[in-house]
Structure formats: C-alpha cells, structure tokens
C-alpha cells in the first residue's frame, strides 16, 4: 500500500515535470518558420519606423514588454482595454499616463496580420519589439524565443502588486524580481535600460528637493529647473534618465549611480551600500559585461509564465479579446 502510494506520487511529480518541460519546449526561435516566415522582418520594419519617428519610443517598448511580463507572465495582458469583463492594467499607478507604445504594437500587429492573419501573438510581438528597440539604439541583440499565446484576461490587482514603483527600496525590488525567477544581477542589468528614456517630474520631485545625502547637489539643482517644487505643477515634465548620453544604449547609467546621479530613487538604491553595489561597479567598468547580461536577462524575463499551446489565444486586435 505504502509502495503503491509512493509510486503514484512519483508518477504525478513526473507528469508535472514533463508537462512543464513540454510547455517550455514550445517556445522556439523558429516557431513561425513555416507558418509566418516573414513575421520577424515585418515586425522589425514597423518597430524601426516608429523609433525613427520618435527616439524615446525605444525605451518605451522595452518597458512595455517588462510591464507585461511581470503581470500574469508574458501574455500581452497589458495591452487589453477596459471591457465589461476586463479591468485593464493600463490605469494602475505604475502604468497610468506612463507606460506607452500601445499604438506602435498595434501597427506592428496590423502589418503582421496583413501577411499572416491569425498566426502571430501580440505577446510575441511585444518580445520581438523590445529586442528590435534595443538593437536600433545601439543596445545588444538576442535571439527571441517565440510561441507565446495571448491571454483572455488582465489583472489590475496583480499589476498594482507586482510592478515596481519609482520610490521602492532595494529589498522590495529584490523580492519582486526574485518572485519572477530573476536574480539580483538580472534586476540590475534590466534596470540598465534606464540608460535611455525619460521620467516624469512627479516620479523624481521628492528626490531632487530632499537635499538628501544620496543625491549629488548639482545634479538635483539642474533637475529642479524643469520640475517645480509645488505639486502638481509640472508633473508631466520630462527629464532624461541619463543626462549624459540619453539617446544611446550604453553603461553610463551605472556611472551616474556611482556619482549619486540616479534620477529615480529606485535607480539610486542599486548603489547605496547594499548587496547590488558590486554589480553596479562591475557594469560601470565593463560595458560588454553589461550588454551580455542585459541580453541574457531579457531572454530570461521573456520566459516568465508564457501561455503556450491551447492555454491562450491569438488576438486579432491586441487591445481586446476576439
């Protein structure tokens, strides 16, 4: 009896392992090789065109993929609009009036639909767009694994819980990334995407007016010029996350942190006497290491809880369920 029970338990565990492996195995860089061989080229053309129109879009597309994967996994749930059955993730604090690039993904989806109707998921387009965006602004490239399906649900509550906030402390960030299977090194590497892009005054006002010891006084003074102290004046005014080379994907973000010139509190805590200081130091000295680690972390992030096989759908329009 005991032996039979142990056997059944072992068989159950083995089935779960095999099921998980089969799910992961469905993600493949050649997933659309037969069904839509022009998919990647079509997405690439659309993404490059969008960034050529607005350089800032590169950072926005990388962030959009990140904010998707951290909520329910990489399933394009962030793209869904409000509906009678869906409460959109777009309006939680971490996304509202901040996350952008939805129209660029819609354009890429439309272009792919014209070539291969009903074949390529919005979730995969997000993953490819992030890679193409990095590459376009001089960042690393990587091989994107494909085969994700789109969700039929969104979760504003999970988005509010699981997405980082601009004032988060180091341990909070470490815990969030760890809950998604990402290490401290992955977290610091992914944060390096802030070498491009911009932030709104409302996200760094408290920091630049704090006169704290963790911010360079001259840097704070410079940022105050376009960010009034009185809330909500200038809330939406933008400042580059990297003042030195704001449009180039390089390792200057980490050099800024060494000089206490991180624009967001959640950036500067990566170099604040904690466990990630050594990683920031490493990346500030070794740009090739940062680039390699960033690419690896993006691949790893793209593996967070994908829907595959019959677990999801292919949305015809990314903002709504078919």
C-alpha atoms as a PDB file:
ATOM      1  CA  UNK A   1       0.000   0.000   0.000  1.00  0.00           C
ATOM      2  CA  UNK A   2       2.754   2.416   1.009  1.00  0.00           C
ATOM      3  CA  UNK A   3       4.823   1.431  -2.014  1.00  0.00           C
ATOM      4  CA  UNK A   4       1.857   1.996  -4.350  1.00  0.00           C
ATOM      5  CA  UNK A   5       1.173   5.412  -2.814  1.00  0.00           C
ATOM      6  CA  UNK A   6       4.816   6.423  -3.244  1.00  0.00           C
ATOM      7  CA  UNK A   7       4.727   5.221  -6.858  1.00  0.00           C
ATOM      8  CA  UNK A   8       1.577   7.239  -7.586  1.00  0.00           C
ATOM      9  CA  UNK A   9       3.100  10.350  -6.005  1.00  0.00           C
ATOM     10  CA  UNK A  10       6.290   9.939  -8.018  1.00  0.00           C
ATOM     11  CA  UNK A  11       4.293   9.453 -11.205  1.00  0.00           C
ATOM     12  CA  UNK A  12       2.329  12.622 -10.504  1.00  0.00           C
ATOM     13  CA  UNK A  13       5.501  14.625  -9.964  1.00  0.00           C
ATOM     14  CA  UNK A  14       6.979  13.221 -13.175  1.00  0.00           C
ATOM     15  CA  UNK A  15       3.865  14.174 -15.106  1.00  0.00           C
ATOM     16  CA  UNK A  16       4.063  17.738 -13.807  1.00  0.00           C
ATOM     17  CA  UNK A  17       7.725  17.975 -14.753  1.00  0.00           C
ATOM     18  CA  UNK A  18       7.051  16.621 -18.226  1.00  0.00           C
ATOM     19  CA  UNK A  19       4.119  18.980 -18.702  1.00  0.00           C
ATOM     20  CA  UNK A  20       6.243  21.965 -17.665  1.00  0.00           C
ATOM     21  CA  UNK A  21       9.064  20.889 -19.967  1.00  0.00           C
ATOM     22  CA  UNK A  22       6.680  20.423 -22.870  1.00  0.00           C
ATOM     23  CA  UNK A  23       5.251  23.892 -22.274  1.00  0.00           C
ATOM     24  CA  UNK A  24       8.717  25.462 -22.243  1.00  0.00           C
ATOM     25  CA  UNK A  25       9.808  23.447 -25.265  1.00  0.00           C
ATOM     26  CA  UNK A  26       7.097  25.082 -27.335  1.00  0.00           C
ATOM     27  CA  UNK A  27       8.965  28.379 -27.179  1.00  0.00           C
ATOM     28  CA  UNK A  28      11.383  28.357 -30.090  1.00  0.00           C
ATOM     29  CA  UNK A  29      13.209  30.956 -32.156  1.00  0.00           C
ATOM     30  CA  UNK A  30      11.918  29.207 -35.290  1.00  0.00           C
ATOM     31  CA  UNK A  31       8.308  28.921 -34.132  1.00  0.00           C
ATOM     32  CA  UNK A  32       6.952  30.858 -37.127  1.00  0.00           C
ATOM     33  CA  UNK A  33       9.405  29.403 -39.623  1.00  0.00           C
ATOM     34  CA  UNK A  34       6.694  27.581 -41.555  1.00  0.00           C
ATOM     35  CA  UNK A  35       3.513  29.429 -40.586  1.00  0.00           C
ATOM     36  CA  UNK A  36       4.768  33.019 -40.998  1.00  0.00           C
ATOM     37  CA  UNK A  37       8.357  33.180 -42.250  1.00  0.00           C
ATOM     38  CA  UNK A  38       8.187  36.954 -42.773  1.00  0.00           C
ATOM     39  CA  UNK A  39       6.913  37.727 -39.269  1.00  0.00           C
ATOM     40  CA  UNK A  40      10.170  38.931 -37.723  1.00  0.00           C
ATOM     41  CA  UNK A  41      11.112  41.066 -40.705  1.00  0.00           C
ATOM     42  CA  UNK A  42       7.657  42.639 -40.785  1.00  0.00           C
ATOM     43  CA  UNK A  43       7.779  43.460 -37.052  1.00  0.00           C
ATOM     44  CA  UNK A  44      11.308  44.809 -37.352  1.00  0.00           C
ATOM     45  CA  UNK A  45      10.361  47.196 -40.172  1.00  0.00           C
ATOM     46  CA  UNK A  46       7.400  48.522 -38.204  1.00  0.00           C
ATOM     47  CA  UNK A  47       9.365  48.998 -34.969  1.00  0.00           C
ATOM     48  CA  UNK A  48      12.303  50.697 -36.642  1.00  0.00           C
ATOM     49  CA  UNK A  49       9.954  53.087 -38.402  1.00  0.00           C
ATOM     50  CA  UNK A  50       8.294  54.020 -35.084  1.00  0.00           C
ATOM     51  CA  UNK A  51      11.605  54.686 -33.328  1.00  0.00           C
ATOM     52  CA  UNK A  52      12.869  56.694 -36.292  1.00  0.00           C
ATOM     53  CA  UNK A  53       9.856  58.976 -35.758  1.00  0.00           C
ATOM     54  CA  UNK A  54      10.488  59.227 -32.008  1.00  0.00           C
ATOM     55  CA  UNK A  55      13.722  58.051 -30.443  1.00  0.00           C
ATOM     56  CA  UNK A  56      12.152  57.830 -26.978  1.00  0.00           C
ATOM     57  CA  UNK A  57       9.927  55.022 -28.219  1.00  0.00           C
ATOM     58  CA  UNK A  58      12.797  52.531 -27.918  1.00  0.00           C
ATOM     59  CA  UNK A  59      12.795  52.837 -24.131  1.00  0.00           C
ATOM     60  CA  UNK A  60       9.005  52.775 -24.042  1.00  0.00           C
ATOM     61  CA  UNK A  61       8.812  49.474 -25.944  1.00  0.00           C
ATOM     62  CA  UNK A  62      11.373  47.773 -23.718  1.00  0.00           C
ATOM     63  CA  UNK A  63       9.432  48.953 -20.672  1.00  0.00           C
ATOM     64  CA  UNK A  64       6.122  47.819 -22.176  1.00  0.00           C
ATOM     65  CA  UNK A  65       7.441  44.268 -22.542  1.00  0.00           C
ATOM     66  CA  UNK A  66       8.756  44.366 -18.959  1.00  0.00           C
ATOM     67  CA  UNK A  67       5.437  45.609 -17.547  1.00  0.00           C
ATOM     68  CA  UNK A  68       3.641  42.871 -19.445  1.00  0.00           C
ATOM     69  CA  UNK A  69       5.829  40.010 -18.266  1.00  0.00           C
ATOM     70  CA  UNK A  70       5.654  40.963 -14.591  1.00  0.00           C
ATOM     71  CA  UNK A  71       1.856  40.594 -14.540  1.00  0.00           C
ATOM     72  CA  UNK A  72       0.452  37.121 -15.308  1.00  0.00           C
ATOM     73  CA  UNK A  73       3.590  36.371 -17.314  1.00  0.00           C
ATOM     74  CA  UNK A  74       4.415  37.424 -20.891  1.00  0.00           C
ATOM     75  CA  UNK A  75       0.865  37.178 -22.226  1.00  0.00           C
ATOM     76  CA  UNK A  76       0.092  40.664 -23.633  1.00  0.00           C
ATOM     77  CA  UNK A  77      -2.395  41.284 -20.824  1.00  0.00           C
ATOM     78  CA  UNK A  78      -1.116  44.857 -20.516  1.00  0.00           C
ATOM     79  CA  UNK A  79      -2.484  45.642 -23.978  1.00  0.00           C
ATOM     80  CA  UNK A  80      -6.110  44.874 -23.104  1.00  0.00           C
ATOM     81  CA  UNK A  81      -8.518  47.790 -22.759  1.00  0.00           C
ATOM     82  CA  UNK A  82     -11.342  48.001 -20.245  1.00  0.00           C
ATOM     83  CA  UNK A  83     -14.425  45.984 -21.149  1.00  0.00           C
ATOM     84  CA  UNK A  84     -17.433  44.558 -19.301  1.00  0.00           C
ATOM     85  CA  UNK A  85     -15.337  41.530 -18.351  1.00  0.00           C
ATOM     86  CA  UNK A  86     -11.864  43.104 -18.095  1.00  0.00           C
ATOM     87  CA  UNK A  87     -10.373  45.713 -15.801  1.00  0.00           C
ATOM     88  CA  UNK A  88      -7.382  46.993 -17.726  1.00  0.00           C
ATOM     89  CA  UNK A  89      -3.883  47.064 -16.276  1.00  0.00           C
ATOM     90  CA  UNK A  90      -3.225  50.345 -18.067  1.00  0.00           C
ATOM     91  CA  UNK A  91      -4.604  52.514 -15.288  1.00  0.00           C
ATOM     92  CA  UNK A  92      -2.816  51.227 -12.200  1.00  0.00           C
ATOM     93  CA  UNK A  93      -0.408  53.708 -10.620  1.00  0.00           C
ATOM     94  CA  UNK A  94       2.710  52.194 -12.189  1.00  0.00           C
ATOM     95  CA  UNK A  95       1.212  52.345 -15.711  1.00  0.00           C
ATOM     96  CA  UNK A  96      -1.261  55.227 -15.862  1.00  0.00           C
ATOM     97  CA  UNK A  97      -0.070  58.081 -18.108  1.00  0.00           C
ATOM     98  CA  UNK A  98       3.333  56.435 -18.052  1.00  0.00           C
ATOM     99  CA  UNK A  99       3.511  53.174 -19.977  1.00  0.00           C
ATOM    100  CA  UNK A 100       3.276  53.903 -23.694  1.00  0.00           C
ATOM    101  CA  UNK A 101       3.847  52.451 -27.151  1.00  0.00           C
ATOM    102  CA  UNK A 102       0.476  50.706 -27.472  1.00  0.00           C
ATOM    103  CA  UNK A 103      -0.151  52.239 -30.891  1.00  0.00           C
ATOM    104  CA  UNK A 104       3.252  51.015 -32.106  1.00  0.00           C
ATOM    105  CA  UNK A 105       2.404  47.433 -31.157  1.00  0.00           C
ATOM    106  CA  UNK A 106      -0.995  47.869 -32.853  1.00  0.00           C
ATOM    107  CA  UNK A 107       0.761  48.997 -36.045  1.00  0.00           C
ATOM    108  CA  UNK A 108       3.138  46.041 -35.945  1.00  0.00           C
ATOM    109  CA  UNK A 109       0.252  43.644 -35.303  1.00  0.00           C
ATOM    110  CA  UNK A 110      -1.713  45.094 -38.238  1.00  0.00           C
ATOM    111  CA  UNK A 111       1.293  44.692 -40.514  1.00  0.00           C
ATOM    112  CA  UNK A 112       1.764  41.073 -39.473  1.00  0.00           C
ATOM    113  CA  UNK A 113      -1.955  40.339 -39.820  1.00  0.00           C
ATOM    114  CA  UNK A 114      -1.751  41.535 -43.432  1.00  0.00           C
ATOM    115  CA  UNK A 115       0.956  38.950 -44.071  1.00  0.00           C
ATOM    116  CA  UNK A 116      -0.194  36.054 -41.870  1.00  0.00           C
ATOM    117  CA  UNK A 117      -3.699  36.503 -40.440  1.00  0.00           C
ATOM    118  CA  UNK A 118      -4.316  34.925 -37.036  1.00  0.00           C
ATOM    119  CA  UNK A 119      -0.854  33.417 -36.616  1.00  0.00           C
ATOM    120  CA  UNK A 120       1.418  35.712 -34.585  1.00  0.00           C
ATOM    121  CA  UNK A 121       0.503  36.603 -30.999  1.00  0.00           C
ATOM    122  CA  UNK A 122       0.610  40.081 -29.503  1.00  0.00           C
ATOM    123  CA  UNK A 123       2.762  38.660 -26.698  1.00  0.00           C
ATOM    124  CA  UNK A 124       5.411  37.585 -29.207  1.00  0.00           C
ATOM    125  CA  UNK A 125       5.240  40.959 -30.961  1.00  0.00           C
ATOM    126  CA  UNK A 126       5.979  42.647 -27.617  1.00  0.00           C
ATOM    127  CA  UNK A 127       9.010  40.402 -27.085  1.00  0.00           C
ATOM    128  CA  UNK A 128      10.366  40.984 -30.587  1.00  0.00           C
ATOM    129  CA  UNK A 129       9.694  44.728 -30.391  1.00  0.00           C
ATOM    130  CA  UNK A 130      11.784  45.015 -27.215  1.00  0.00           C
ATOM    131  CA  UNK A 131      14.729  43.278 -28.893  1.00  0.00           C
ATOM    132  CA  UNK A 132      14.430  45.371 -32.068  1.00  0.00           C
ATOM    133  CA  UNK A 133      14.163  48.565 -29.999  1.00  0.00           C
ATOM    134  CA  UNK A 134      17.362  47.778 -28.105  1.00  0.00           C
ATOM    135  CA  UNK A 135      19.217  46.985 -31.280  1.00  0.00           C
ATOM    136  CA  UNK A 136      18.057  50.163 -33.038  1.00  0.00           C
ATOM    137  CA  UNK A 137      19.524  52.473 -30.375  1.00  0.00           C
ATOM    138  CA  UNK A 138      22.860  50.664 -30.183  1.00  0.00           C
ATOM    139  CA  UNK A 139      21.947  48.178 -27.489  1.00  0.00           C
ATOM    140  CA  UNK A 140      22.502  44.422 -27.541  1.00  0.00           C
ATOM    141  CA  UNK A 141      20.518  41.992 -29.643  1.00  0.00           C
ATOM    142  CA  UNK A 142      19.431  38.499 -28.681  1.00  0.00           C
ATOM    143  CA  UNK A 143      17.547  35.554 -30.086  1.00  0.00           C
ATOM    144  CA  UNK A 144      13.884  35.840 -29.126  1.00  0.00           C
ATOM    145  CA  UNK A 145      12.099  32.622 -28.277  1.00  0.00           C
ATOM    146  CA  UNK A 146       8.600  32.556 -29.766  1.00  0.00           C
ATOM    147  CA  UNK A 147       5.352  30.669 -29.424  1.00  0.00           C
ATOM    148  CA  UNK A 148       3.588  32.606 -26.672  1.00  0.00           C
ATOM    149  CA  UNK A 149      -0.178  32.883 -26.795  1.00  0.00           C
ATOM    150  CA  UNK A 150      -2.252  35.871 -25.689  1.00  0.00           C
ATOM    151  CA  UNK A 151      -4.312  35.937 -22.539  1.00  0.00           C
ATOM    152  CA  UNK A 152      -8.051  36.451 -22.401  1.00  0.00           C
ATOM    153  CA  UNK A 153      -7.764  38.218 -19.039  1.00  0.00           C
ATOM    154  CA  UNK A 154      -5.945  41.095 -17.379  1.00  0.00           C
ATOM    155  CA  UNK A 155      -5.295  41.792 -13.712  1.00  0.00           C
ATOM    156  CA  UNK A 156      -5.163  45.329 -12.396  1.00  0.00           C
ATOM    157  CA  UNK A 157      -4.735  43.974  -8.864  1.00  0.00           C
ATOM    158  CA  UNK A 158      -1.662  41.925  -9.794  1.00  0.00           C
ATOM    159  CA  UNK A 159      -0.261  44.845 -11.764  1.00  0.00           C
ATOM    160  CA  UNK A 160      -0.595  47.091  -8.729  1.00  0.00           C
ATOM    161  CA  UNK A 161       1.050  44.463  -6.539  1.00  0.00           C
ATOM    162  CA  UNK A 162       3.815  43.134  -8.769  1.00  0.00           C
ATOM    163  CA  UNK A 163       5.117  46.128 -10.745  1.00  0.00           C
ATOM    164  CA  UNK A 164       7.967  48.125  -9.189  1.00  0.00           C
ATOM    165  CA  UNK A 165       7.365  51.717  -8.086  1.00  0.00           C
ATOM    166  CA  UNK A 166       9.772  54.625  -8.524  1.00  0.00           C
ATOM    167  CA  UNK A 167      10.286  55.022  -4.758  1.00  0.00           C
ATOM    168  CA  UNK A 168      10.806  51.327  -3.951  1.00  0.00           C
ATOM    169  CA  UNK A 169      13.675  50.355  -1.678  1.00  0.00           C
ATOM    170  CA  UNK A 170      16.335  47.820  -2.568  1.00  0.00           C
ATOM    171  CA  UNK A 171      14.898  44.839  -0.677  1.00  0.00           C
ATOM    172  CA  UNK A 172      11.437  45.426  -2.126  1.00  0.00           C
ATOM    173  CA  UNK A 173      12.928  45.378  -5.638  1.00  0.00           C
ATOM    174  CA  UNK A 174      14.984  42.285  -4.934  1.00  0.00           C
ATOM    175  CA  UNK A 175      11.905  40.480  -3.621  1.00  0.00           C
ATOM    176  CA  UNK A 176       9.784  41.467  -6.641  1.00  0.00           C
ATOM    177  CA  UNK A 177      12.337  40.253  -9.150  1.00  0.00           C
ATOM    178  CA  UNK A 178      13.050  37.099  -7.168  1.00  0.00           C
ATOM    179  CA  UNK A 179       9.330  36.276  -7.211  1.00  0.00           C
ATOM    180  CA  UNK A 180       9.569  36.229 -11.020  1.00  0.00           C
ATOM    181  CA  UNK A 181      12.626  33.981 -11.033  1.00  0.00           C
ATOM    182  CA  UNK A 182      15.076  36.809 -11.676  1.00  0.00           C
ATOM    183  CA  UNK A 183      18.285  37.250  -9.697  1.00  0.00           C
ATOM    184  CA  UNK A 184      19.778  40.435  -8.253  1.00  0.00           C
ATOM    185  CA  UNK A 185      22.143  40.528 -11.226  1.00  0.00           C
ATOM    186  CA  UNK A 186      19.223  40.197 -13.638  1.00  0.00           C
ATOM    187  CA  UNK A 187      17.492  43.054 -11.816  1.00  0.00           C
ATOM    188  CA  UNK A 188      20.471  45.396 -12.049  1.00  0.00           C
ATOM    189  CA  UNK A 189      21.067  44.518 -15.697  1.00  0.00           C
ATOM    190  CA  UNK A 190      17.419  45.142 -16.611  1.00  0.00           C
ATOM    191  CA  UNK A 191      17.455  48.417 -14.683  1.00  0.00           C
ATOM    192  CA  UNK A 192      20.260  49.439 -17.035  1.00  0.00           C
ATOM    193  CA  UNK A 193      17.626  50.016 -19.719  1.00  0.00           C
ATOM    194  CA  UNK A 194      17.253  53.382 -17.947  1.00  0.00           C
ATOM    195  CA  UNK A 195      20.333  54.397 -19.884  1.00  0.00           C
ATOM    196  CA  UNK A 196      17.705  55.552 -22.396  1.00  0.00           C
ATOM    197  CA  UNK A 197      14.255  57.037 -21.919  1.00  0.00           C
ATOM    198  CA  UNK A 198      12.757  59.755 -19.768  1.00  0.00           C
ATOM    199  CA  UNK A 199      10.873  60.117 -16.500  1.00  0.00           C
ATOM    200  CA  UNK A 200       8.111  62.480 -15.431  1.00  0.00           C
ATOM    201  CA  UNK A 201       8.712  65.171 -12.802  1.00  0.00           C
ATOM    202  CA  UNK A 202       6.161  63.575 -10.483  1.00  0.00           C
ATOM    203  CA  UNK A 203       8.379  60.478 -10.197  1.00  0.00           C
ATOM    204  CA  UNK A 204      11.526  62.300  -9.062  1.00  0.00           C
ATOM    205  CA  UNK A 205      10.282  65.548  -7.451  1.00  0.00           C
ATOM    206  CA  UNK A 206      10.651  64.336  -3.863  1.00  0.00           C
ATOM    207  CA  UNK A 207      14.161  63.115  -4.571  1.00  0.00           C
ATOM    208  CA  UNK A 208      15.550  66.324  -6.087  1.00  0.00           C
ATOM    209  CA  UNK A 209      14.056  68.522  -3.359  1.00  0.00           C
ATOM    210  CA  UNK A 210      15.049  66.270  -0.478  1.00  0.00           C
ATOM    211  CA  UNK A 211      18.598  67.634  -0.028  1.00  0.00           C
ATOM    212  CA  UNK A 212      19.472  64.076   0.917  1.00  0.00           C
ATOM    213  CA  UNK A 213      22.975  62.671   1.123  1.00  0.00           C
ATOM    214  CA  UNK A 214      22.242  60.113  -1.606  1.00  0.00           C
ATOM    215  CA  UNK A 215      21.899  62.696  -4.405  1.00  0.00           C
ATOM    216  CA  UNK A 216      24.509  64.984  -5.924  1.00  0.00           C
ATOM    217  CA  UNK A 217      23.576  68.596  -5.108  1.00  0.00           C
ATOM    218  CA  UNK A 218      24.486  69.964  -8.524  1.00  0.00           C
ATOM    219  CA  UNK A 219      22.530  67.234 -10.264  1.00  0.00           C
ATOM    220  CA  UNK A 220      19.471  67.922  -8.105  1.00  0.00           C
ATOM    221  CA  UNK A 221      19.714  71.643  -8.808  1.00  0.00           C
ATOM    222  CA  UNK A 222      19.833  71.040 -12.551  1.00  0.00           C
ATOM    223  CA  UNK A 223      16.759  68.798 -12.449  1.00  0.00           C
ATOM    224  CA  UNK A 224      14.766  71.393 -10.485  1.00  0.00           C
ATOM    225  CA  UNK A 225      14.799  73.770 -13.449  1.00  0.00           C
ATOM    226  CA  UNK A 226      12.096  71.798 -15.207  1.00  0.00           C
ATOM    227  CA  UNK A 227      10.380  70.261 -12.177  1.00  0.00           C
ATOM    228  CA  UNK A 228       8.658  72.808  -9.894  1.00  0.00           C
ATOM    229  CA  UNK A 229       8.508  72.028  -6.204  1.00  0.00           C
ATOM    230  CA  UNK A 230       4.790  72.681  -5.907  1.00  0.00           C
ATOM    231  CA  UNK A 231       2.588  69.677  -6.661  1.00  0.00           C
ATOM    232  CA  UNK A 232       1.039  69.215  -9.227  1.00  0.00           C
ATOM    233  CA  UNK A 233       2.825  71.912 -11.254  1.00  0.00           C
ATOM    234  CA  UNK A 234       4.930  70.336 -13.964  1.00  0.00           C
ATOM    235  CA  UNK A 235       4.006  66.774 -13.002  1.00  0.00           C
ATOM    236  CA  UNK A 236       4.309  65.596 -16.591  1.00  0.00           C
ATOM    237  CA  UNK A 237       7.503  67.483 -17.442  1.00  0.00           C
ATOM    238  CA  UNK A 238      10.113  65.065 -18.711  1.00  0.00           C
ATOM    239  CA  UNK A 239      13.777  64.623 -17.897  1.00  0.00           C
ATOM    240  CA  UNK A 240      16.199  62.078 -19.379  1.00  0.00           C
ATOM    241  CA  UNK A 241      17.099  59.237 -17.068  1.00  0.00           C
ATOM    242  CA  UNK A 242      20.692  59.585 -18.274  1.00  0.00           C
ATOM    243  CA  UNK A 243      21.698  63.228 -18.724  1.00  0.00           C
ATOM    244  CA  UNK A 244      24.981  62.462 -20.468  1.00  0.00           C
ATOM    245  CA  UNK A 245      24.013  60.118 -23.329  1.00  0.00           C
ATOM    246  CA  UNK A 246      20.190  59.981 -23.156  1.00  0.00           C
ATOM    247  CA  UNK A 247      19.684  58.548 -26.640  1.00  0.00           C
ATOM    248  CA  UNK A 248      22.379  55.875 -26.635  1.00  0.00           C
ATOM    249  CA  UNK A 249      22.243  52.444 -25.057  1.00  0.00           C
ATOM    250  CA  UNK A 250      25.459  52.368 -23.051  1.00  0.00           C
ATOM    251  CA  UNK A 251      26.659  51.811 -19.487  1.00  0.00           C
ATOM    252  CA  UNK A 252      26.618  55.474 -18.462  1.00  0.00           C
ATOM    253  CA  UNK A 253      23.560  54.807 -16.270  1.00  0.00           C
ATOM    254  CA  UNK A 254      25.793  52.880 -13.868  1.00  0.00           C
ATOM    255  CA  UNK A 255      28.454  55.589 -13.862  1.00  0.00           C
ATOM    256  CA  UNK A 256      25.722  58.038 -12.898  1.00  0.00           C
ATOM    257  CA  UNK A 257      24.789  55.887  -9.909  1.00  0.00           C
ATOM    258  CA  UNK A 258      28.393  55.934  -8.672  1.00  0.00           C
ATOM    259  CA  UNK A 259      28.176  59.749  -8.681  1.00  0.00           C
ATOM    260  CA  UNK A 260      24.778  59.803  -6.896  1.00  0.00           C
ATOM    261  CA  UNK A 261      23.104  60.971 -10.086  1.00  0.00           C
ATOM    262  CA  UNK A 262      20.365  58.372 -10.358  1.00  0.00           C
ATOM    263  CA  UNK A 263      17.196  60.253 -11.288  1.00  0.00           C
ATOM    264  CA  UNK A 264      14.738  57.868  -9.610  1.00  0.00           C
ATOM    265  CA  UNK A 265      15.017  56.646  -6.051  1.00  0.00           C
ATOM    266  CA  UNK A 266      14.577  53.086  -7.343  1.00  0.00           C
ATOM    267  CA  UNK A 267      17.665  53.628  -9.519  1.00  0.00           C
ATOM    268  CA  UNK A 268      19.950  55.066  -6.842  1.00  0.00           C
ATOM    269  CA  UNK A 269      19.143  52.325  -4.318  1.00  0.00           C
ATOM    270  CA  UNK A 270      21.052  49.934  -6.580  1.00  0.00           C
ATOM    271  CA  UNK A 271      24.195  51.746  -5.394  1.00  0.00           C
ATOM    272  CA  UNK A 272      23.533  52.698  -1.804  1.00  0.00           C
ATOM    273  CA  UNK A 273      25.726  50.484   0.342  1.00  0.00           C
ATOM    274  CA  UNK A 274      23.712  47.328  -0.343  1.00  0.00           C
ATOM    275  CA  UNK A 275      24.200  43.949  -1.966  1.00  0.00           C
ATOM    276  CA  UNK A 276      23.981  45.267  -5.543  1.00  0.00           C
ATOM    277  CA  UNK A 277      26.815  47.815  -5.256  1.00  0.00           C
ATOM    278  CA  UNK A 278      29.364  45.371  -6.639  1.00  0.00           C
ATOM    279  CA  UNK A 279      27.215  44.661  -9.704  1.00  0.00           C
ATOM    280  CA  UNK A 280      26.824  48.381 -10.438  1.00  0.00           C
ATOM    281  CA  UNK A 281      30.591  48.780 -10.092  1.00  0.00           C
ATOM    282  CA  UNK A 282      31.162  45.873 -12.471  1.00  0.00           C
ATOM    283  CA  UNK A 283      28.829  47.253 -15.128  1.00  0.00           C
ATOM    284  CA  UNK A 284      30.279  50.770 -14.811  1.00  0.00           C
ATOM    285  CA  UNK A 285      33.720  49.384 -15.665  1.00  0.00           C
ATOM    286  CA  UNK A 286      32.739  46.692 -18.164  1.00  0.00           C
ATOM    287  CA  UNK A 287      30.196  47.750 -20.793  1.00  0.00           C
ATOM    288  CA  UNK A 288      30.488  44.434 -22.633  1.00  0.00           C
ATOM    289  CA  UNK A 289      29.546  42.547 -19.464  1.00  0.00           C
ATOM    290  CA  UNK A 290      26.501  44.754 -19.011  1.00  0.00           C
ATOM    291  CA  UNK A 291      25.408  44.240 -22.612  1.00  0.00           C
ATOM    292  CA  UNK A 292      25.773  40.473 -22.356  1.00  0.00           C
ATOM    293  CA  UNK A 293      23.960  40.296 -19.031  1.00  0.00           C
ATOM    294  CA  UNK A 294      21.174  42.578 -20.257  1.00  0.00           C
ATOM    295  CA  UNK A 295      20.517  40.334 -23.254  1.00  0.00           C
ATOM    296  CA  UNK A 296      20.513  37.231 -21.039  1.00  0.00           C
ATOM    297  CA  UNK A 297      18.159  38.862 -18.527  1.00  0.00           C
ATOM    298  CA  UNK A 298      15.752  39.916 -21.308  1.00  0.00           C
ATOM    299  CA  UNK A 299      15.623  36.322 -22.573  1.00  0.00           C
ATOM    300  CA  UNK A 300      15.035  35.090 -19.033  1.00  0.00           C
ATOM    301  CA  UNK A 301      12.307  37.683 -18.466  1.00  0.00           C
ATOM    302  CA  UNK A 302      10.617  36.625 -21.700  1.00  0.00           C
ATOM    303  CA  UNK A 303      10.301  33.130 -20.230  1.00  0.00           C
ATOM    304  CA  UNK A 304       8.116  34.247 -17.317  1.00  0.00           C
ATOM    305  CA  UNK A 305       4.967  32.102 -17.329  1.00  0.00           C
ATOM    306  CA  UNK A 306       4.201  32.111 -21.057  1.00  0.00           C
ATOM    307  CA  UNK A 307       0.880  30.779 -22.297  1.00  0.00           C
ATOM    308  CA  UNK A 308       1.501  28.112 -24.902  1.00  0.00           C
ATOM    309  CA  UNK A 309      -0.450  25.532 -26.847  1.00  0.00           C
ATOM    310  CA  UNK A 310      -4.146  25.629 -26.000  1.00  0.00           C
ATOM    311  CA  UNK A 311      -3.628  27.771 -22.887  1.00  0.00           C
ATOM    312  CA  UNK A 312      -4.182  31.071 -24.719  1.00  0.00           C
ATOM    313  CA  UNK A 313      -5.375  32.594 -27.962  1.00  0.00           C
ATOM    314  CA  UNK A 314      -4.091  34.664 -30.863  1.00  0.00           C
ATOM    315  CA  UNK A 315      -5.804  38.021 -30.570  1.00  0.00           C
ATOM    316  CA  UNK A 316      -6.714  39.605 -33.875  1.00  0.00           C
ATOM    317  CA  UNK A 317      -6.583  43.051 -32.260  1.00  0.00           C
ATOM    318  CA  UNK A 318      -4.206  43.400 -29.323  1.00  0.00           C
ATOM    319  CA  UNK A 319      -6.426  45.636 -27.218  1.00  0.00           C
ATOM    320  CA  UNK A 320      -9.368  43.241 -26.995  1.00  0.00           C
ATOM    321  CA  UNK A 321     -10.276  39.596 -26.820  1.00  0.00           C
ATOM    322  CA  UNK A 322     -11.559  38.091 -30.065  1.00  0.00           C
END
